[in-house]
N, C-alpha and C. Protein backbone atom coordinates (compact mmCIF):
# COMPACT_ATOMS: atom_id res chain seq x y z
N UNK A 1 94.86 61.74 69.41
CA UNK A 1 94.31 61.77 70.76
C UNK A 1 95.32 61.29 71.81
N UNK A 2 96.13 60.27 71.53
CA UNK A 2 97.08 59.83 72.55
C UNK A 2 98.13 60.91 72.87
N UNK A 3 98.41 61.80 71.92
CA UNK A 3 99.39 62.86 72.18
C UNK A 3 98.89 63.80 73.27
N UNK A 4 97.60 64.03 73.32
CA UNK A 4 97.03 64.98 74.26
C UNK A 4 96.71 64.36 75.61
N UNK A 5 96.78 63.07 75.74
CA UNK A 5 96.39 62.38 76.97
C UNK A 5 97.21 62.85 78.17
N UNK A 6 98.50 63.06 77.99
CA UNK A 6 99.35 63.54 79.09
C UNK A 6 98.94 64.93 79.54
N UNK A 7 98.65 65.78 78.60
CA UNK A 7 98.23 67.15 78.91
C UNK A 7 96.86 67.16 79.59
N UNK A 8 95.97 66.31 79.14
CA UNK A 8 94.63 66.23 79.74
C UNK A 8 94.72 65.75 81.18
N UNK A 9 95.49 64.72 81.42
CA UNK A 9 95.64 64.20 82.79
C UNK A 9 96.32 65.23 83.71
N UNK A 10 97.28 65.93 83.20
CA UNK A 10 97.97 66.94 83.99
C UNK A 10 97.00 68.06 84.40
N UNK A 11 96.15 68.48 83.50
CA UNK A 11 95.18 69.54 83.81
C UNK A 11 94.07 69.05 84.73
N UNK A 12 93.67 67.82 84.59
CA UNK A 12 92.61 67.28 85.45
C UNK A 12 93.09 67.06 86.88
N UNK A 13 94.30 66.58 87.05
CA UNK A 13 94.79 66.22 88.37
C UNK A 13 95.70 67.27 89.00
N UNK A 14 96.08 68.28 88.24
CA UNK A 14 97.00 69.28 88.76
C UNK A 14 96.31 70.40 89.52
N UNK A 15 97.11 71.31 89.97
CA UNK A 15 96.65 72.48 90.72
C UNK A 15 95.96 73.45 89.76
N UNK A 16 94.88 74.12 90.19
CA UNK A 16 94.22 75.07 89.28
C UNK A 16 95.12 76.27 88.97
N UNK A 17 94.93 76.83 87.80
CA UNK A 17 95.77 77.94 87.36
C UNK A 17 95.29 79.28 87.90
N UNK A 18 94.06 79.34 88.38
CA UNK A 18 93.50 80.60 88.89
C UNK A 18 93.19 80.48 90.37
N UNK A 19 92.87 81.61 90.99
CA UNK A 19 92.47 81.60 92.40
C UNK A 19 90.95 81.57 92.48
N UNK A 20 90.44 81.15 93.59
CA UNK A 20 88.99 81.12 93.79
C UNK A 20 88.55 82.52 94.22
N UNK A 21 88.38 83.44 93.25
CA UNK A 21 88.30 84.87 93.50
C UNK A 21 87.32 85.33 94.57
N UNK A 22 86.07 85.03 94.53
CA UNK A 22 85.25 85.66 95.58
C UNK A 22 85.64 85.21 96.98
N UNK A 23 86.21 84.02 97.09
CA UNK A 23 86.54 83.48 98.40
C UNK A 23 87.97 83.79 98.80
N UNK A 24 88.87 83.87 97.84
CA UNK A 24 90.27 84.18 98.10
C UNK A 24 90.68 85.37 97.23
N UNK A 25 91.17 86.40 97.84
CA UNK A 25 91.63 87.56 97.08
C UNK A 25 93.05 87.29 96.56
N UNK A 26 93.31 87.61 95.30
CA UNK A 26 94.67 87.41 94.79
C UNK A 26 95.62 88.44 95.40
N UNK A 27 96.90 88.13 95.49
CA UNK A 27 97.84 89.11 96.04
C UNK A 27 97.98 90.30 95.08
N UNK A 28 98.06 91.49 95.66
CA UNK A 28 98.19 92.69 94.84
C UNK A 28 99.63 92.84 94.38
N UNK A 29 99.85 93.27 93.14
CA UNK A 29 101.21 93.47 92.67
C UNK A 29 101.88 94.65 93.38
N UNK A 30 103.18 94.66 93.37
CA UNK A 30 103.95 95.74 93.99
C UNK A 30 103.64 97.06 93.29
N UNK A 31 103.42 98.11 94.06
CA UNK A 31 103.14 99.43 93.50
C UNK A 31 101.69 99.66 93.16
N UNK A 32 100.79 98.86 93.68
CA UNK A 32 99.36 99.05 93.42
C UNK A 32 98.90 100.36 94.03
N UNK A 33 98.15 101.13 93.27
CA UNK A 33 97.66 102.41 93.76
C UNK A 33 96.24 102.23 94.29
N UNK A 34 96.09 102.45 95.58
CA UNK A 34 94.79 102.27 96.21
C UNK A 34 94.25 103.58 96.75
N UNK A 35 93.43 103.47 97.79
CA UNK A 35 92.81 104.65 98.39
C UNK A 35 93.84 105.54 99.05
N UNK A 36 93.40 106.75 99.37
CA UNK A 36 94.28 107.73 100.01
C UNK A 36 93.87 107.93 101.46
N UNK A 37 94.85 108.20 102.28
CA UNK A 37 94.60 108.55 103.68
C UNK A 37 95.39 109.84 103.96
N UNK A 38 94.69 110.84 104.46
CA UNK A 38 95.32 112.12 104.76
C UNK A 38 95.67 112.17 106.24
N UNK A 39 96.94 112.32 106.55
CA UNK A 39 97.40 112.45 107.93
C UNK A 39 97.32 113.93 108.28
N UNK A 40 96.29 114.30 109.02
CA UNK A 40 96.03 115.70 109.30
C UNK A 40 97.01 116.29 110.31
N UNK A 41 97.75 115.45 111.01
CA UNK A 41 98.77 115.96 111.93
C UNK A 41 99.94 116.54 111.14
N UNK A 42 100.30 115.90 110.05
CA UNK A 42 101.40 116.37 109.22
C UNK A 42 100.98 117.47 108.24
N UNK A 43 99.71 117.53 107.91
CA UNK A 43 99.22 118.45 106.88
C UNK A 43 99.23 119.89 107.39
N UNK A 44 99.72 120.81 106.54
CA UNK A 44 99.72 122.23 106.91
C UNK A 44 98.77 123.04 106.03
N UNK A 45 97.87 122.38 105.30
CA UNK A 45 96.84 123.01 104.47
C UNK A 45 97.44 123.90 103.37
N UNK A 46 98.52 123.46 102.76
CA UNK A 46 99.19 124.26 101.73
C UNK A 46 98.47 124.21 100.38
N UNK A 47 97.58 123.29 100.18
CA UNK A 47 96.76 123.12 98.98
C UNK A 47 97.54 122.66 97.75
N UNK A 48 98.73 122.11 97.92
CA UNK A 48 99.47 121.57 96.78
C UNK A 48 98.75 120.37 96.18
N UNK A 49 98.16 119.55 97.05
CA UNK A 49 97.44 118.37 96.55
C UNK A 49 96.22 118.78 95.71
N UNK A 50 95.54 119.82 96.14
CA UNK A 50 94.37 120.30 95.40
C UNK A 50 94.76 120.85 94.04
N UNK A 51 95.87 121.55 93.97
CA UNK A 51 96.33 122.12 92.71
C UNK A 51 96.83 121.07 91.73
N UNK A 52 97.45 120.00 92.22
CA UNK A 52 98.02 119.01 91.31
C UNK A 52 97.04 117.91 90.91
N UNK A 53 95.91 117.81 91.57
CA UNK A 53 94.94 116.74 91.26
C UNK A 53 94.32 117.00 89.89
N UNK A 54 94.56 116.13 88.89
CA UNK A 54 94.02 116.37 87.56
C UNK A 54 92.51 116.19 87.46
N UNK A 55 91.91 115.46 88.38
CA UNK A 55 90.47 115.23 88.31
C UNK A 55 89.69 116.07 89.31
N UNK A 56 90.34 116.96 90.03
CA UNK A 56 89.71 117.84 91.02
C UNK A 56 88.94 117.05 92.07
N UNK A 57 89.54 115.97 92.53
CA UNK A 57 88.89 115.11 93.53
C UNK A 57 89.20 115.55 94.96
N UNK A 58 90.13 116.49 95.13
CA UNK A 58 90.53 116.94 96.46
C UNK A 58 90.15 118.40 96.63
N UNK A 59 89.48 118.70 97.74
CA UNK A 59 89.14 120.08 98.08
C UNK A 59 89.65 120.35 99.48
N UNK A 60 90.48 121.39 99.61
CA UNK A 60 91.04 121.76 100.91
C UNK A 60 90.28 122.97 101.42
N UNK A 61 89.73 122.86 102.63
CA UNK A 61 89.05 123.97 103.29
C UNK A 61 89.97 124.47 104.40
N UNK A 62 90.67 125.55 104.12
CA UNK A 62 91.69 126.05 105.04
C UNK A 62 91.05 126.57 106.33
N UNK A 63 89.93 127.26 106.22
CA UNK A 63 89.29 127.84 107.41
C UNK A 63 88.81 126.76 108.37
N UNK A 64 88.20 125.71 107.83
CA UNK A 64 87.69 124.62 108.68
C UNK A 64 88.75 123.58 109.01
N UNK A 65 89.90 123.66 108.35
CA UNK A 65 90.99 122.69 108.51
C UNK A 65 90.52 121.27 108.19
N UNK A 66 89.85 121.14 107.04
CA UNK A 66 89.37 119.84 106.57
C UNK A 66 89.79 119.64 105.12
N UNK A 67 89.82 118.38 104.73
CA UNK A 67 90.09 118.01 103.34
C UNK A 67 89.01 117.04 102.91
N UNK A 68 88.37 117.35 101.78
CA UNK A 68 87.37 116.46 101.20
C UNK A 68 88.02 115.72 100.04
N UNK A 69 87.87 114.40 100.05
CA UNK A 69 88.37 113.57 98.96
C UNK A 69 87.20 112.79 98.39
N UNK A 70 87.02 112.88 97.07
CA UNK A 70 85.91 112.21 96.40
C UNK A 70 86.43 111.00 95.61
N UNK A 71 86.20 109.79 96.14
CA UNK A 71 86.72 108.59 95.47
C UNK A 71 86.17 108.36 94.06
N UNK A 72 84.93 108.82 93.80
CA UNK A 72 84.37 108.63 92.46
C UNK A 72 85.06 109.50 91.42
N UNK A 73 85.54 110.66 91.82
CA UNK A 73 86.24 111.54 90.90
C UNK A 73 87.71 111.15 90.73
N UNK A 74 88.28 110.55 91.74
CA UNK A 74 89.72 110.25 91.76
C UNK A 74 90.08 109.22 90.68
N UNK A 75 91.17 109.48 89.98
CA UNK A 75 91.65 108.54 88.97
C UNK A 75 92.84 107.73 89.50
N UNK A 76 93.16 107.91 90.77
CA UNK A 76 94.19 107.14 91.47
C UNK A 76 95.56 107.22 90.78
N UNK A 77 95.90 108.42 90.34
CA UNK A 77 97.21 108.62 89.72
C UNK A 77 98.29 108.89 90.76
N UNK A 78 97.88 109.26 91.96
CA UNK A 78 98.75 109.56 93.10
C UNK A 78 99.69 110.73 92.83
N UNK A 79 99.26 111.67 91.98
CA UNK A 79 100.04 112.90 91.78
C UNK A 79 100.05 113.72 93.06
N UNK A 80 98.99 113.65 93.83
CA UNK A 80 98.92 114.39 95.09
C UNK A 80 99.92 113.82 96.11
N UNK A 81 100.14 112.52 96.09
CA UNK A 81 101.09 111.90 97.01
C UNK A 81 102.50 112.39 96.71
N UNK A 82 102.83 112.47 95.42
CA UNK A 82 104.15 112.95 95.04
C UNK A 82 104.32 114.45 95.29
N UNK A 83 103.23 115.22 95.20
CA UNK A 83 103.30 116.68 95.36
C UNK A 83 103.37 117.11 96.82
N UNK A 84 102.92 116.28 97.73
CA UNK A 84 102.87 116.67 99.14
C UNK A 84 104.28 116.69 99.73
N UNK A 85 104.74 117.89 100.11
CA UNK A 85 106.11 118.01 100.62
C UNK A 85 106.25 117.53 102.06
N UNK A 86 105.14 117.43 102.78
CA UNK A 86 105.18 116.98 104.17
C UNK A 86 104.88 115.49 104.32
N UNK A 87 104.63 114.82 103.20
CA UNK A 87 104.28 113.39 103.19
C UNK A 87 103.04 113.12 104.05
N UNK A 88 102.07 114.02 103.95
CA UNK A 88 100.84 113.90 104.74
C UNK A 88 99.81 113.00 104.07
N UNK A 89 100.00 112.70 102.80
CA UNK A 89 99.06 111.83 102.09
C UNK A 89 99.69 110.45 102.00
N UNK A 90 99.03 109.49 102.62
CA UNK A 90 99.55 108.13 102.68
C UNK A 90 98.72 107.23 101.78
N UNK A 91 99.32 106.65 100.75
CA UNK A 91 98.55 105.75 99.89
C UNK A 91 98.35 104.40 100.56
N UNK A 92 97.17 103.86 100.40
CA UNK A 92 96.88 102.52 100.90
C UNK A 92 96.99 101.54 99.75
N UNK A 93 97.25 100.30 100.07
CA UNK A 93 97.38 99.28 99.02
C UNK A 93 96.07 98.56 98.77
N UNK A 94 94.99 98.94 99.47
CA UNK A 94 93.73 98.25 99.24
C UNK A 94 93.04 98.80 98.00
N UNK A 95 92.47 97.92 97.24
CA UNK A 95 91.76 98.30 96.03
C UNK A 95 90.34 97.79 96.16
N UNK A 96 89.40 98.69 96.14
CA UNK A 96 88.00 98.31 96.20
C UNK A 96 87.19 99.35 95.45
N UNK A 97 86.02 98.96 95.03
CA UNK A 97 85.19 99.93 94.33
C UNK A 97 84.70 100.97 95.34
N UNK A 98 84.47 102.19 94.90
CA UNK A 98 84.10 103.25 95.82
C UNK A 98 82.71 103.10 96.43
N UNK A 99 81.84 102.32 95.85
CA UNK A 99 80.49 102.16 96.38
C UNK A 99 79.49 102.71 95.39
N UNK A 100 78.22 102.54 95.72
CA UNK A 100 77.19 102.98 94.79
C UNK A 100 76.73 104.40 95.04
N UNK A 101 76.97 104.91 96.23
CA UNK A 101 76.58 106.28 96.53
C UNK A 101 77.77 107.20 96.29
N UNK A 102 77.50 108.25 95.52
CA UNK A 102 78.54 109.23 95.29
C UNK A 102 78.66 110.06 96.56
N UNK A 103 79.85 110.10 97.11
CA UNK A 103 80.04 110.84 98.35
C UNK A 103 81.47 111.29 98.51
N UNK A 104 81.72 111.91 99.65
CA UNK A 104 83.06 112.41 99.96
C UNK A 104 83.54 111.77 101.24
N UNK A 105 84.85 111.69 101.35
CA UNK A 105 85.46 111.32 102.61
C UNK A 105 86.10 112.59 103.15
N UNK A 106 85.73 112.96 104.34
CA UNK A 106 86.23 114.18 104.94
C UNK A 106 87.24 113.84 106.02
N UNK A 107 88.39 114.49 105.94
CA UNK A 107 89.45 114.32 106.93
C UNK A 107 89.57 115.63 107.70
N UNK A 108 89.48 115.55 109.02
CA UNK A 108 89.51 116.75 109.87
C UNK A 108 90.77 116.78 110.71
N UNK A 109 91.23 118.01 110.98
CA UNK A 109 92.43 118.19 111.81
C UNK A 109 92.12 117.96 113.27
């Protein structure tokens, strides 16, 4: 027991090893893949993002000049970000659950 006394005191009086999660968000690691934002000014409706999306979460409507993105379908691989030659898809670093209602986010020109 005396061998462990130093370790016990260090853990009792020291700084906690974890963050207080619901109250303090931990810092996100570099390269975190979060939500997508479509910059419709740069977008030319080429549909490369729709073709490369493995989960079919992106639908481009050329006639209406809109893009539908479904967060529940998205696997956040960011293949669409790499495929976009105009850099119109901007990845965000925020990570949050998509919500309880299945829906789409529509981006209009």
